[in-house]
């Protein structure tokens, strides 16, 4: 194995290492978003539905906006990454 082969393999390995670091970083970010979503849902589930003010506050923290298309389809925009889409 010549020095050019070694250099080429090293560059390939360094490139793969950067790619893996990026994937791990994204996975950690996704996991953080999922944990945040789960915590907000736990708070939501524990609320008494009769407390409208608290319910409104939790929904405002979870959801940025809701769009309803002319065809009736609904698109929910969360205040953070939608963890349901991250695992798909």
Protein backbone atom coordinates (compact mmCIF):
# COMPACT_ATOMS: atom_id res chain seq x y z
CA UNK A 1 0.00 0.00 0.00
CA UNK A 2 1.56 3.27 -1.14
CA UNK A 3 1.44 6.63 0.57
CA UNK A 4 -1.22 7.85 -1.88
CA UNK A 5 -3.43 4.88 -0.92
CA UNK A 6 -2.92 5.64 2.76
CA UNK A 7 -3.71 9.32 2.19
CA UNK A 8 -6.83 8.41 0.21
CA UNK A 9 -8.02 6.00 2.92
CA UNK A 10 -7.35 8.61 5.60
CA UNK A 11 -9.37 11.24 3.71
CA UNK A 12 -12.19 8.75 3.25
CA UNK A 13 -12.17 7.88 6.96
CA UNK A 14 -12.06 11.55 7.98
CA UNK A 15 -15.00 12.27 5.69
CA UNK A 16 -16.96 9.34 7.13
CA UNK A 17 -16.12 10.49 10.69
CA UNK A 18 -17.53 13.96 9.95
CA UNK A 19 -20.64 12.39 8.46
CA UNK A 20 -21.15 10.21 11.55
CA UNK A 21 -20.61 13.19 13.88
CA UNK A 22 -23.30 15.07 11.96
CA UNK A 23 -25.73 12.15 12.22
CA UNK A 24 -25.11 11.77 15.97
CA UNK A 25 -25.61 15.51 16.47
CA UNK A 26 -28.92 15.42 14.57
CA UNK A 27 -30.08 12.38 16.51
CA UNK A 28 -29.34 14.13 19.81
CA UNK A 29 -31.27 17.19 18.61
CA UNK A 30 -34.19 14.99 17.54
CA UNK A 31 -34.14 13.21 20.89
CA UNK A 32 -34.19 16.57 22.67
CA UNK A 33 -37.20 17.68 20.61
CA UNK A 34 -38.97 14.42 21.35
CA UNK A 35 -38.30 14.78 25.09
CA UNK A 36 -39.58 18.37 25.06
CA UNK A 37 -42.71 17.25 23.22
CA UNK A 38 -43.28 14.41 25.70
CA UNK A 39 -42.93 16.77 28.67
CA UNK A 40 -45.48 19.20 27.23
CA UNK A 41 -47.89 16.35 26.49
CA UNK A 42 -47.52 15.05 30.07
CA UNK A 43 -48.42 18.51 31.36
CA UNK A 44 -51.38 18.59 28.98
CA UNK A 45 -52.65 15.16 30.05
CA UNK A 46 -52.49 16.09 33.74
CA UNK A 47 -54.68 19.18 33.28
CA UNK A 48 -58.30 19.19 34.20
CA UNK A 49 -60.11 20.06 31.01
CA UNK A 50 -62.41 22.36 32.99
CA UNK A 51 -59.51 24.78 33.48
CA UNK A 52 -59.78 26.55 30.13
CA UNK A 53 -57.07 29.14 30.83
CA UNK A 54 -54.45 26.48 31.61
CA UNK A 55 -55.53 24.46 28.58
CA UNK A 56 -55.15 27.50 26.32
CA UNK A 57 -51.69 28.23 27.76
CA UNK A 58 -50.47 24.68 27.13
CA UNK A 59 -51.87 24.62 23.60
CA UNK A 60 -50.18 27.96 22.86
CA UNK A 61 -46.86 26.50 24.00
CA UNK A 62 -47.30 23.38 21.87
CA UNK A 63 -48.71 24.85 18.66
CA UNK A 64 -47.45 27.82 16.67
CA UNK A 65 -50.37 27.87 14.23
CA UNK A 66 -52.97 25.68 12.55
CA UNK A 67 -53.66 26.02 8.83
CA UNK A 68 -56.83 24.70 7.24
CA UNK A 69 -56.70 24.30 3.46
CA UNK A 70 -59.67 24.80 1.13
CA UNK A 71 -59.92 21.02 0.77
CA UNK A 72 -60.35 20.73 4.56
CA UNK A 73 -56.93 19.29 5.30
CA UNK A 74 -55.30 20.51 8.49
CA UNK A 75 -51.62 21.37 8.90
CA UNK A 76 -50.37 21.91 12.46
CA UNK A 77 -47.17 23.93 12.92
CA UNK A 78 -45.56 23.18 16.26
CA UNK A 79 -43.37 25.56 18.26
CA UNK A 80 -40.62 22.95 17.95
CA UNK A 81 -39.77 20.16 15.56
CA UNK A 82 -42.60 17.69 15.20
CA UNK A 83 -41.17 14.52 16.78
CA UNK A 84 -43.78 12.43 15.00
CA UNK A 85 -42.16 13.36 11.68
CA UNK A 86 -38.60 12.82 12.96
CA UNK A 87 -39.11 9.08 13.42
CA UNK A 88 -40.90 8.52 10.12
